[in-house]
């Protein structure tokens, strides 16, 4: 991203997407000087834009969508008059791909982190190129017993190299070509949210369920990467969320290694949670009327936080040899490679008969599950799997 404030020559540049976009201070952006007309002010709470300049950023975003993506001359003039332009394009697109202003990118990434589990929970690594190699720790040094004047035994920490390869993901949506300045803020909020939801789902689906095929852009996610030592098989006959019992979850906790700094969480679908964990909580002995009144929605089970993801298993009927949920610390097991910010481009031809404009958004990311455990020893993530037939 390159954003320029006209007249003062100040530039703000970013290659790192979410991690760097958040570094821009409010006074580096021309947003602070924007004046939002009274008739264009938001009538309700904005979903994607927050902070002191939320309404101004949304108004600017609306002009960006209308002007840079929709070709609206009035909005283009407004962007230039207020200090916004975009000068970076990608040569592999049929039309120029526009890097969105920092304020919009920041709002999209904020929503991706809110709705997306994987990016929020894994270790995020900014990528300045399409491929990046880095070392991750496998094991540390060993302390040996020695006498007073006895030489110690040497040992060294062990590292392994892993690689991240940026993979391109795309969203396509439509917007009307009839722009109304009074609706710019709501339009910006809607399109920002739609982009964020799409990218969040893609990141989660690849990160958890990726099987290395083209469906997931060749990404191998957590469930497919885990080795046998990191898989706990439920007790015989427990082939559905509704038949899992307390011992299955206790055994998974016991299987998880006691690693320094480990901060475990349960990763499960909402449907799976209420058919298993919530059911067991409600059925636990010693419940009083107050416990039943308060319900079972507290997002914690056996003292461990519960995190919902829409991409995880939702099937409530019996299923054999199937991974249902995860326990552990995603940050210690997987890396999320963030190549750069979001780009957008448009077409006015595909939907010309309906007076609409097609908007294409792209981002680049990769996932590497670098600590999947071994054939006999669990890593920092453990999956609960149903037994075979």
Protein backbone atom coordinates (compact mmCIF):
# COMPACT_ATOMS: atom_id res chain seq x y z
CA UNK A 1 0.00 0.00 0.00
CA UNK A 2 1.13 3.52 -0.70
CA UNK A 3 -1.04 6.37 0.53
CA UNK A 4 -0.15 9.98 -0.24
CA UNK A 5 -1.36 13.18 1.37
CA UNK A 6 -1.49 15.72 -1.46
CA UNK A 7 0.37 18.96 -0.89
CA UNK A 8 2.59 17.92 2.00
CA UNK A 9 4.61 15.17 0.34
CA UNK A 10 4.23 12.77 3.25
CA UNK A 11 4.05 9.07 2.41
CA UNK A 12 2.99 6.06 4.45
CA UNK A 13 3.96 2.65 3.04
CA UNK A 14 3.11 -0.93 3.98
CA UNK A 15 3.99 -4.36 2.59
CA UNK A 16 2.88 -6.46 5.53
CA UNK A 17 -0.90 -6.37 5.53
CA UNK A 18 -2.54 -6.56 8.94
CA UNK A 19 0.56 -6.43 11.11
CA UNK A 20 1.87 -3.20 9.58
CA UNK A 21 -1.42 -1.55 8.74
CA UNK A 22 -2.12 -1.15 12.43
CA UNK A 23 1.11 0.82 12.92
CA UNK A 24 -0.15 3.93 11.16
CA UNK A 25 -0.90 6.70 13.61
CA UNK A 26 -4.06 8.76 13.21
CA UNK A 27 -2.11 11.95 12.50
CA UNK A 28 -0.34 10.32 9.50
CA UNK A 29 -3.65 10.03 7.65
CA UNK A 30 -5.69 12.74 5.98
CA UNK A 31 -8.80 11.23 7.57
CA UNK A 32 -8.62 13.54 10.61
CA UNK A 33 -9.35 16.60 8.44
CA UNK A 34 -12.41 15.07 6.71
CA UNK A 35 -15.76 16.74 7.23
CA UNK A 36 -18.81 14.46 6.97
CA UNK A 37 -21.96 16.24 5.70
CA UNK A 38 -24.88 16.14 8.11
CA UNK A 39 -27.09 14.27 5.64
CA UNK A 40 -24.44 11.54 5.23
CA UNK A 41 -23.88 10.83 8.93
CA UNK A 42 -24.52 7.31 10.16
CA UNK A 43 -27.90 6.66 11.78
CA UNK A 44 -26.74 3.54 13.58
CA UNK A 45 -23.66 1.83 15.00
CA UNK A 46 -20.99 0.96 12.44
CA UNK A 47 -19.88 -2.67 12.40
CA UNK A 48 -16.48 -2.36 10.75
CA UNK A 49 -15.13 1.06 11.62
CA UNK A 50 -14.19 2.03 15.16
CA UNK A 51 -12.38 4.71 17.13
CA UNK A 52 -12.60 8.47 17.16
CA UNK A 53 -12.51 8.74 13.35
CA UNK A 54 -14.87 5.81 12.61
CA UNK A 55 -17.49 7.83 10.75
CA UNK A 56 -14.86 9.78 8.80
CA UNK A 57 -13.04 6.59 7.80
CA UNK A 58 -16.31 5.01 6.66
CA UNK A 59 -17.19 8.13 4.64
CA UNK A 60 -13.75 8.04 3.01
CA UNK A 61 -14.17 4.31 2.32
CA UNK A 62 -17.51 4.95 0.66
CA UNK A 63 -15.92 7.50 -1.67
CA UNK A 64 -13.10 5.01 -2.36
CA UNK A 65 -15.55 2.27 -3.38
CA UNK A 66 -17.59 4.71 -5.47
CA UNK A 67 -14.66 6.55 -7.04
CA UNK A 68 -11.71 4.18 -7.41
CA UNK A 69 -13.81 1.04 -7.90
CA UNK A 70 -17.04 2.42 -9.31
CA UNK A 71 -15.59 5.15 -11.47
CA UNK A 72 -17.77 7.86 -9.97
CA UNK A 73 -16.16 11.17 -11.00
CA UNK A 74 -17.50 13.14 -8.05
CA UNK A 75 -16.00 10.64 -5.59
CA UNK A 76 -12.70 10.57 -7.50
CA UNK A 77 -12.48 14.34 -7.22
CA UNK A 78 -13.33 14.15 -3.52
CA UNK A 79 -10.54 11.60 -2.93
CA UNK A 80 -8.00 13.80 -4.70
CA UNK A 81 -9.12 16.94 -2.90
CA UNK A 82 -8.84 15.19 0.45
CA UNK A 83 -5.44 13.57 -0.10
CA UNK A 84 -6.11 9.99 -1.19
CA UNK A 85 -4.62 8.23 -4.20
CA UNK A 86 -3.44 4.72 -5.04
CA UNK A 87 -0.42 4.14 -7.23
CA UNK A 88 0.50 0.45 -6.94
CA UNK A 89 -0.91 -2.10 -9.36
CA UNK A 90 -0.39 -5.79 -10.10
CA UNK A 91 0.66 -6.84 -13.59
CA UNK A 92 -1.09 -10.21 -13.40
CA UNK A 93 -4.58 -8.70 -13.43
CA UNK A 94 -6.54 -7.90 -16.57
CA UNK A 95 -7.28 -4.50 -15.08
CA UNK A 96 -5.25 -2.54 -12.56
CA UNK A 97 -5.55 -3.88 -9.03
CA UNK A 98 -5.81 -1.04 -6.52
CA UNK A 99 -4.25 -1.35 -3.10
CA UNK A 100 -6.88 -0.10 -0.69
CA UNK A 101 -6.16 2.81 1.66
CA UNK A 102 -4.76 1.96 5.07
CA UNK A 103 -8.00 2.91 6.84
CA UNK A 104 -10.05 0.41 4.82
CA UNK A 105 -7.47 -2.35 5.08
CA UNK A 106 -7.25 -1.84 8.82
CA UNK A 107 -11.04 -2.07 9.12
CA UNK A 108 -11.17 -5.27 7.03
CA UNK A 109 -8.34 -6.92 8.99
CA UNK A 110 -9.99 -5.91 12.27
CA UNK A 111 -13.14 -7.74 11.20
CA UNK A 112 -11.18 -10.75 9.88
CA UNK A 113 -9.56 -11.07 13.28
CA UNK A 114 -12.95 -10.77 15.00
CA UNK A 115 -14.72 -13.35 12.82
CA UNK A 116 -11.73 -15.51 11.89
CA UNK A 117 -10.33 -17.91 14.47
CA UNK A 118 -7.17 -19.10 12.76
CA UNK A 119 -5.47 -15.75 12.14
CA UNK A 120 -6.37 -14.61 15.65
CA UNK A 121 -5.06 -17.74 17.36
CA UNK A 122 -2.05 -18.84 15.28
CA UNK A 123 1.39 -17.29 15.12
CA UNK A 124 1.24 -14.58 12.43
CA UNK A 125 4.34 -13.99 10.30
CA UNK A 126 4.53 -11.03 7.91
CA UNK A 127 5.91 -11.90 4.48
CA UNK A 128 7.81 -9.33 2.41
CA UNK A 129 8.02 -11.70 -0.58
CA UNK A 130 6.00 -14.57 -2.02
CA UNK A 131 8.15 -17.18 -0.25
CA UNK A 132 9.75 -17.05 3.16
CA UNK A 133 11.88 -19.55 5.09
CA UNK A 134 12.34 -19.32 8.83
CA UNK A 135 13.57 -21.49 11.65
CA UNK A 136 11.36 -22.81 14.44
CA UNK A 137 12.59 -24.38 17.66
CA UNK A 138 12.24 -28.17 18.00
CA UNK A 139 14.06 -28.83 21.27
CA UNK A 140 16.30 -27.06 23.78
CA UNK A 141 19.53 -27.72 25.64
CA UNK A 142 19.82 -30.44 28.28
CA UNK A 143 21.12 -30.07 31.85
CA UNK A 144 23.29 -32.99 33.08
CA UNK A 145 24.42 -33.83 36.63
CA UNK A 146 28.15 -33.14 37.22
CA UNK A 147 30.68 -33.17 40.04
CA UNK A 148 32.42 -30.05 41.38
CA UNK A 149 35.28 -30.05 38.85
CA UNK A 150 33.74 -32.26 36.20
CA UNK A 151 33.30 -31.01 32.64
CA UNK A 152 29.70 -30.82 31.52
CA UNK A 153 28.17 -32.51 28.49
CA UNK A 154 27.54 -30.18 25.59
CA UNK A 155 24.10 -29.86 24.05
CA UNK A 156 22.53 -27.47 21.59
CA UNK A 157 19.00 -26.30 20.85
CA UNK A 158 17.53 -27.88 17.73
CA UNK A 159 15.75 -25.93 15.01
CA UNK A 160 14.11 -26.84 11.72
CA UNK A 161 13.38 -24.71 8.69
CA UNK A 162 9.83 -24.24 7.49
CA UNK A 163 8.59 -22.45 4.39
CA UNK A 164 5.64 -20.17 3.77
CA UNK A 165 4.42 -19.65 0.19
CA UNK A 166 1.96 -16.82 -0.40
CA UNK A 167 -1.22 -18.10 -2.07
CA UNK A 168 -3.76 -15.83 -3.69
CA UNK A 169 -7.41 -15.83 -2.62
CA UNK A 170 -10.19 -13.88 -4.29
CA UNK A 171 -13.67 -12.56 -3.55
CA UNK A 172 -16.12 -11.29 -6.17
CA UNK A 173 -19.20 -9.21 -5.33
CA UNK A 174 -21.48 -6.63 -6.94
CA UNK A 175 -22.51 -3.07 -6.17
CA UNK A 176 -24.90 -0.64 -7.86
CA UNK A 177 -23.49 1.96 -10.21
CA UNK A 178 -25.98 4.53 -8.94
CA UNK A 179 -24.15 6.25 -6.09
CA UNK A 180 -25.80 8.38 -3.45
CA UNK A 181 -23.52 10.39 -1.18
CA UNK A 182 -26.00 10.00 1.67
CA UNK A 183 -25.53 6.21 1.55
CA UNK A 184 -21.71 6.14 1.28
CA UNK A 185 -21.12 5.28 4.94
CA UNK A 186 -23.55 2.34 5.04
CA UNK A 187 -22.25 1.09 1.69
CA UNK A 188 -18.66 1.18 2.95
CA UNK A 189 -19.61 -0.65 6.14
CA UNK A 190 -21.46 -3.35 4.18
CA UNK A 191 -18.72 -3.98 1.63
CA UNK A 192 -15.98 -3.96 4.25
CA UNK A 193 -17.86 -6.52 6.33
CA UNK A 194 -18.60 -8.76 3.33
CA UNK A 195 -14.93 -8.77 2.31
CA UNK A 196 -13.82 -9.54 5.86
CA UNK A 197 -16.28 -12.40 6.32
CA UNK A 198 -15.22 -14.02 3.05
CA UNK A 199 -11.50 -13.82 3.81
CA UNK A 200 -12.00 -14.94 7.42
CA UNK A 201 -13.89 -18.05 6.28
CA UNK A 202 -11.23 -18.88 3.66
CA UNK A 203 -8.44 -18.53 6.22
CA UNK A 204 -10.20 -20.70 8.80
CA UNK A 205 -11.27 -23.35 6.30
CA UNK A 206 -7.76 -23.74 4.89
CA UNK A 207 -6.09 -23.51 8.29
CA UNK A 208 -8.23 -26.16 9.95
CA UNK A 209 -9.53 -28.36 7.12
CA UNK A 210 -6.97 -28.00 4.33
CA UNK A 211 -6.01 -31.38 2.84
CA UNK A 212 -3.29 -30.23 0.43
CA UNK A 213 -5.58 -30.24 -2.62
CA UNK A 214 -6.47 -27.38 -4.97
CA UNK A 215 -9.69 -26.81 -3.02
CA UNK A 216 -7.55 -25.35 -0.24
CA UNK A 217 -4.86 -23.88 -2.54
CA UNK A 218 -2.51 -26.77 -1.62
CA UNK A 219 -2.57 -25.82 2.06
CA UNK A 220 -2.44 -28.65 4.60
CA UNK A 221 -4.43 -27.63 7.65
CA UNK A 222 -4.30 -28.75 11.25
CA UNK A 223 -6.59 -31.79 11.09
CA UNK A 224 -4.76 -33.32 8.12
CA UNK A 225 -1.29 -32.45 9.46
CA UNK A 226 -1.61 -33.94 12.95
CA UNK A 227 0.30 -37.17 13.47
CA UNK A 228 -1.07 -40.18 15.36
CA UNK A 229 0.43 -39.10 18.69
CA UNK A 230 -1.70 -35.93 18.60
CA UNK A 231 -5.00 -37.76 18.05
CA UNK A 232 -7.16 -39.04 20.89
CA UNK A 233 -9.75 -41.65 19.91
CA UNK A 234 -13.00 -41.47 21.87
CA UNK A 235 -14.28 -44.49 23.78
CA UNK A 236 -15.93 -47.31 21.88
CA UNK A 237 -19.41 -46.42 20.66
CA UNK A 238 -18.90 -42.67 21.07
CA UNK A 239 -19.31 -41.84 17.38
CA UNK A 240 -21.25 -38.55 17.65
CA UNK A 241 -21.10 -35.31 19.62
CA UNK A 242 -24.18 -36.50 21.50
CA UNK A 243 -22.44 -39.67 22.70
CA UNK A 244 -19.12 -38.17 23.77
CA UNK A 245 -18.77 -38.41 27.53
CA UNK A 246 -16.71 -36.60 30.15
CA UNK A 247 -13.94 -39.20 30.02
CA UNK A 248 -13.28 -38.46 26.35
CA UNK A 249 -12.55 -34.82 27.13
CA UNK A 250 -10.56 -35.63 30.27
CA UNK A 251 -8.42 -38.08 28.32
CA UNK A 252 -7.71 -35.42 25.68
CA UNK A 253 -6.55 -33.02 28.39
CA UNK A 254 -4.32 -35.73 29.83
CA UNK A 255 -2.80 -36.36 26.40
CA UNK A 256 -1.89 -32.69 25.87
CA UNK A 257 1.77 -32.13 26.84
CA UNK A 258 2.63 -29.71 29.64
CA UNK A 259 4.70 -27.31 27.53
CA UNK A 260 6.13 -24.08 28.93
CA UNK A 261 3.89 -21.18 28.02
CA UNK A 262 1.09 -23.41 26.68
CA UNK A 263 -2.28 -21.58 26.72
CA UNK A 264 -4.83 -24.22 25.61
CA UNK A 265 -8.31 -23.69 24.25
CA UNK A 266 -11.03 -25.92 22.85
CA UNK A 267 -11.77 -25.35 19.14
CA UNK A 268 -15.22 -26.64 18.24
CA UNK A 269 -18.32 -25.74 16.22
CA UNK A 270 -21.24 -24.17 18.05
CA UNK A 271 -23.42 -27.12 17.09
CA UNK A 272 -20.85 -29.59 18.40
CA UNK A 273 -20.43 -27.67 21.65
CA UNK A 274 -24.12 -27.70 22.57
CA UNK A 275 -24.47 -31.38 21.67
CA UNK A 276 -21.47 -32.42 23.78
CA UNK A 277 -19.85 -30.01 26.23
CA UNK A 278 -22.98 -28.00 27.08
CA UNK A 279 -24.97 -31.24 27.43
CA UNK A 280 -22.41 -32.62 29.88
CA UNK A 281 -22.33 -29.36 31.86
CA UNK A 282 -26.12 -29.33 32.17
CA UNK A 283 -26.19 -32.97 33.26
CA UNK A 284 -23.45 -32.59 35.86
CA UNK A 285 -24.49 -33.51 39.39
CA UNK A 286 -25.00 -30.80 42.01
CA UNK A 287 -26.69 -28.26 39.72
CA UNK A 288 -28.99 -25.85 41.52
CA UNK A 289 -31.91 -23.84 40.14
CA UNK A 290 -29.60 -20.85 39.71
CA UNK A 291 -27.19 -22.94 37.60
CA UNK A 292 -29.96 -24.01 35.25
CA UNK A 293 -31.26 -20.42 35.04
CA UNK A 294 -27.84 -19.09 34.07
CA UNK A 295 -27.59 -21.71 31.33
CA UNK A 296 -24.54 -23.35 29.80
CA UNK A 297 -23.37 -20.58 27.50
CA UNK A 298 -20.26 -19.65 29.47
CA UNK A 299 -17.47 -20.28 26.97
CA UNK A 300 -15.35 -22.50 29.16
CA UNK A 301 -15.24 -26.25 29.69
CA UNK A 302 -13.25 -28.05 32.37
CA UNK A 303 -11.51 -24.75 33.11
CA UNK A 304 -10.36 -24.24 29.50
CA UNK A 305 -11.71 -21.52 27.15
CA UNK A 306 -13.99 -22.61 24.28
CA UNK A 307 -13.61 -20.99 20.84
CA UNK A 308 -16.25 -21.49 18.14
CA UNK A 309 -15.45 -21.79 14.43
CA UNK A 310 -17.99 -22.16 11.64
CA UNK A 311 -15.65 -24.32 9.58
CA UNK A 312 -15.35 -27.10 12.17
CA UNK A 313 -17.42 -30.30 12.16
CA UNK A 314 -21.15 -29.60 12.56
CA UNK A 315 -22.56 -33.06 11.81
CA UNK A 316 -24.61 -34.28 14.76
CA UNK A 317 -25.27 -37.82 13.52
CA UNK A 318 -22.88 -40.75 14.01
CA UNK A 319 -19.60 -40.60 12.07
CA UNK A 320 -16.67 -42.99 12.39
CA UNK A 321 -12.94 -42.17 12.17
CA UNK A 322 -13.79 -38.47 12.14
CA UNK A 323 -12.08 -35.62 13.99
CA UNK A 324 -14.66 -33.60 15.91
CA UNK A 325 -12.73 -30.89 17.75
CA UNK A 326 -9.33 -29.69 18.90
CA UNK A 327 -7.63 -28.91 22.21
CA UNK A 328 -4.41 -26.98 22.56
CA UNK A 329 -2.47 -23.85 21.67
CA UNK A 330 -2.70 -22.98 17.98
CA UNK A 331 0.03 -20.36 18.36
CA UNK A 332 2.55 -23.07 19.30
CA UNK A 333 1.56 -25.43 16.48
CA UNK A 334 0.82 -23.40 13.35
CA UNK A 335 2.06 -20.33 11.52
CA UNK A 336 -0.07 -17.97 9.43
CA UNK A 337 1.93 -16.24 6.69
CA UNK A 338 0.50 -12.82 5.77
CA UNK A 339 1.95 -11.68 2.43
CA UNK A 340 0.48 -8.24 1.98
CA UNK A 341 -2.62 -6.13 2.21
CA UNK A 342 -5.82 -6.41 0.23
CA UNK A 343 -6.21 -5.30 -3.38
CA UNK A 344 -9.40 -4.59 -5.29
CA UNK A 345 -10.31 -4.19 -8.96
CA UNK A 346 -13.58 -3.84 -10.87
CA UNK A 347 -15.42 -4.67 -14.06
CA UNK A 348 -18.24 -2.61 -15.55
CA UNK A 349 -18.95 -5.05 -18.38
CA UNK A 350 -20.01 -8.30 -16.73
CA UNK A 351 -23.11 -6.83 -15.05
CA UNK A 352 -23.85 -3.95 -17.44
CA UNK A 353 -27.41 -5.15 -18.08
CA UNK A 354 -28.30 -4.90 -14.37
CA UNK A 355 -26.57 -1.52 -13.81
CA UNK A 356 -24.08 -3.09 -11.40
CA UNK A 357 -20.30 -3.15 -10.98
CA UNK A 358 -18.32 -6.28 -10.19
CA UNK A 359 -15.70 -5.90 -7.44
CA UNK A 360 -12.85 -8.36 -7.05
CA UNK A 361 -10.85 -8.44 -3.81
CA UNK A 362 -7.67 -10.46 -3.27
CA UNK A 363 -5.33 -11.31 -0.42
CA UNK A 364 -2.32 -13.65 -0.11
CA UNK A 365 -1.62 -15.96 2.81
CA UNK A 366 -0.28 -19.39 3.71
CA UNK A 367 -0.48 -21.80 6.65
CA UNK A 368 2.23 -24.11 7.96
CA UNK A 369 1.50 -26.56 10.80
CA UNK A 370 5.06 -26.85 12.06
CA UNK A 371 4.45 -28.83 15.27
CA UNK A 372 2.04 -31.72 14.52
CA UNK A 373 3.44 -34.15 17.08
CA UNK A 374 4.92 -37.54 16.20
CA UNK A 375 3.56 -41.03 15.73
CA UNK A 376 3.67 -41.57 19.49
CA UNK A 377 4.00 -38.16 21.19
CA UNK A 378 1.41 -35.39 21.11
CA UNK A 379 2.26 -31.87 20.02
CA UNK A 380 0.64 -28.65 21.31
CA UNK A 381 -2.67 -29.57 19.60
CA UNK A 382 -4.75 -32.71 20.24
CA UNK A 383 -7.76 -33.74 18.14
CA UNK A 384 -10.66 -35.82 19.49
CA UNK A 385 -11.60 -38.43 16.89
CA UNK A 386 -14.49 -40.89 16.84
CA UNK A 387 -13.63 -44.62 16.83
CA UNK A 388 -13.84 -46.77 13.71
CA UNK A 389 -16.84 -48.88 12.81
